[in-house]
Protein backbone atom coordinates (compact mmCIF):
# COMPACT_ATOMS: atom_id res chain seq x y z
CA MET A 1 -57.84 -87.14 1.00
CA PRO A 2 -55.40 -84.28 1.67
CA LYS A 3 -54.12 -83.74 5.20
CA PHE A 4 -53.87 -80.31 6.79
CA MET A 5 -51.96 -79.28 9.91
CA PHE A 6 -53.65 -76.72 12.13
CA LEU A 7 -51.21 -74.78 14.34
CA GLN A 8 -52.87 -72.94 17.22
CA TYR A 9 -51.29 -69.65 18.29
CA VAL A 10 -52.56 -67.67 21.27
CA ASP A 11 -51.38 -64.88 23.55
CA GLU A 12 -49.90 -66.84 26.43
CA SER A 13 -50.28 -63.94 28.85
CA ASN A 14 -54.06 -64.01 28.31
CA ALA A 15 -54.46 -67.80 28.32
CA PRO A 16 -56.76 -69.15 31.03
CA ARG A 17 -55.05 -70.61 34.07
CA PRO A 18 -55.58 -74.23 35.16
CA GLY A 19 -58.36 -74.70 37.68
CA THR A 20 -60.32 -71.61 36.60
CA PRO A 21 -63.82 -71.55 35.08
CA GLU A 22 -62.26 -70.02 31.95
CA MET A 23 -59.94 -73.01 31.56
CA ASP A 24 -62.84 -75.40 32.13
CA ALA A 25 -64.79 -73.62 29.38
CA GLN A 26 -61.83 -73.82 27.01
CA ILE A 27 -61.34 -77.54 27.70
CA GLU A 28 -65.03 -78.06 26.98
CA ALA A 29 -64.75 -76.10 23.70
CA TYR A 30 -61.80 -78.23 22.55
CA ALA A 31 -63.62 -81.42 23.58
CA LYS A 32 -66.57 -80.35 21.42
CA LEU A 33 -64.25 -79.72 18.45
CA LEU A 34 -62.55 -83.10 18.89
CA GLU A 35 -65.86 -84.91 19.24
CA GLU A 36 -67.18 -83.30 16.07
CA ALA A 37 -63.94 -84.01 14.13
CA GLN A 38 -63.91 -87.65 15.26
CA ALA A 39 -67.57 -88.10 14.34
CA ALA A 40 -66.83 -86.63 10.89
CA GLY A 41 -63.88 -89.00 10.48
CA VAL A 42 -61.37 -86.21 9.80
CA MET A 43 -59.26 -86.37 12.96
CA ARG A 44 -55.77 -87.82 12.37
CA GLY A 45 -53.87 -86.54 15.39
CA GLY A 46 -52.97 -83.63 17.58
CA ASP A 47 -51.73 -82.58 20.96
CA ALA A 48 -51.45 -79.61 23.25
CA CYS A 49 -48.05 -77.98 23.84
CA GLN A 50 -46.53 -77.08 27.16
CA PRO A 51 -45.98 -73.38 27.96
CA SER A 52 -43.53 -71.56 25.69
CA ALA A 53 -40.85 -71.49 28.41
CA ALA A 54 -40.60 -75.30 28.10
CA GLY A 55 -39.71 -75.11 24.41
CA PHE A 56 -36.30 -74.74 22.83
CA SER A 57 -34.77 -74.16 19.40
CA VAL A 58 -31.93 -76.06 17.74
CA GLN A 59 -29.66 -74.78 14.99
CA VAL A 60 -26.57 -76.22 13.36
CA GLN A 61 -24.02 -73.66 12.21
CA GLY A 62 -20.62 -74.64 10.90
CA GLY A 63 -21.13 -78.18 12.15
CA GLN A 64 -21.85 -76.98 15.70
CA THR A 65 -25.21 -77.61 17.32
CA LYS A 66 -26.59 -74.59 19.16
CA THR A 67 -29.67 -74.50 21.35
CA SER A 68 -31.69 -71.72 22.90
CA ASP A 69 -34.42 -72.02 25.51
CA GLY A 70 -37.90 -70.67 25.02
CA PRO A 71 -39.67 -69.74 21.79
CA MET A 72 -37.67 -68.99 18.65
CA TYR A 73 -38.86 -65.39 18.69
CA ALA A 74 -39.31 -63.76 22.10
CA GLN A 75 -42.42 -61.79 21.15
CA SER A 76 -44.11 -64.53 19.14
CA PRO A 77 -47.49 -65.92 20.17
CA TRP A 78 -47.54 -69.24 21.97
CA LEU A 79 -47.93 -72.37 19.85
CA ASN A 80 -50.29 -74.06 22.28
CA GLY A 81 -51.13 -77.09 20.18
CA TYR A 82 -51.82 -78.62 16.80
CA PHE A 83 -54.21 -80.92 14.99
CA VAL A 84 -53.95 -82.92 11.77
CA PHE A 85 -57.23 -83.34 9.90
CA ASP A 86 -58.17 -84.88 6.57
CA CYS A 87 -60.00 -82.21 4.57
CA LYS A 88 -61.19 -82.50 1.00
CA ASP A 89 -59.96 -79.01 0.14
CA ARG A 90 -58.97 -75.55 1.41
CA ALA A 91 -62.59 -74.53 1.98
CA GLU A 92 -63.19 -77.46 4.33
CA ALA A 93 -59.90 -76.73 6.13
CA ILE A 94 -61.06 -73.14 6.67
CA GLU A 95 -64.35 -74.40 8.13
CA TRP A 96 -62.51 -76.59 10.63
CA ALA A 97 -60.02 -73.85 11.51
CA ALA A 98 -62.88 -71.45 12.24
CA LYS A 99 -64.34 -73.98 14.71
CA ASN A 100 -61.04 -74.19 16.61
CA PRO A 101 -61.29 -72.28 19.93
CA ALA A 102 -57.81 -70.80 19.32
CA ALA A 103 -59.20 -68.88 16.32
CA ASN A 104 -61.30 -66.82 18.74
CA GLY A 105 -58.77 -64.23 19.89
CA GLY A 106 -55.75 -66.10 18.52
CA THR A 107 -54.75 -67.53 15.16
CA VAL A 108 -55.03 -70.95 13.60
CA GLU A 109 -52.37 -71.28 10.92
CA VAL A 110 -53.23 -73.99 8.39
CA HIS A 111 -50.66 -75.88 6.33
CA PRO A 112 -51.43 -78.48 3.68
CA ILE A 113 -49.20 -81.48 4.37
CA LEU A 114 -46.99 -82.59 1.50
CA GLU A 115 -47.38 -86.31 1.06
CA PHE A 116 -44.69 -88.37 -0.63
CA ASN A 117 -45.91 -91.50 -2.42
């Protein structure tokens, strides 16, 4: 069965803060998604990402490694997590992406994973 990667992008400035009822509701929404995905047998992996300030980019130019702190693009939305699901096709991947809490007010970018056999 094909694998799809779901990248969750949200506006970090509007993300709920830890310890708030909004964060508790979001955690509950993600728990519901994960429970449903596990029950359906499609869940293959995933994790949350730390705030964008914790990230960094790496480039190699002319044999020299260069790094920069923070997101690759300063005004880009925050990649706050990802999942990998087995989905039979694009339509099923769309159904799962629509259930992702990040799709409500943010964006879930879906990529079919290229498998080498």
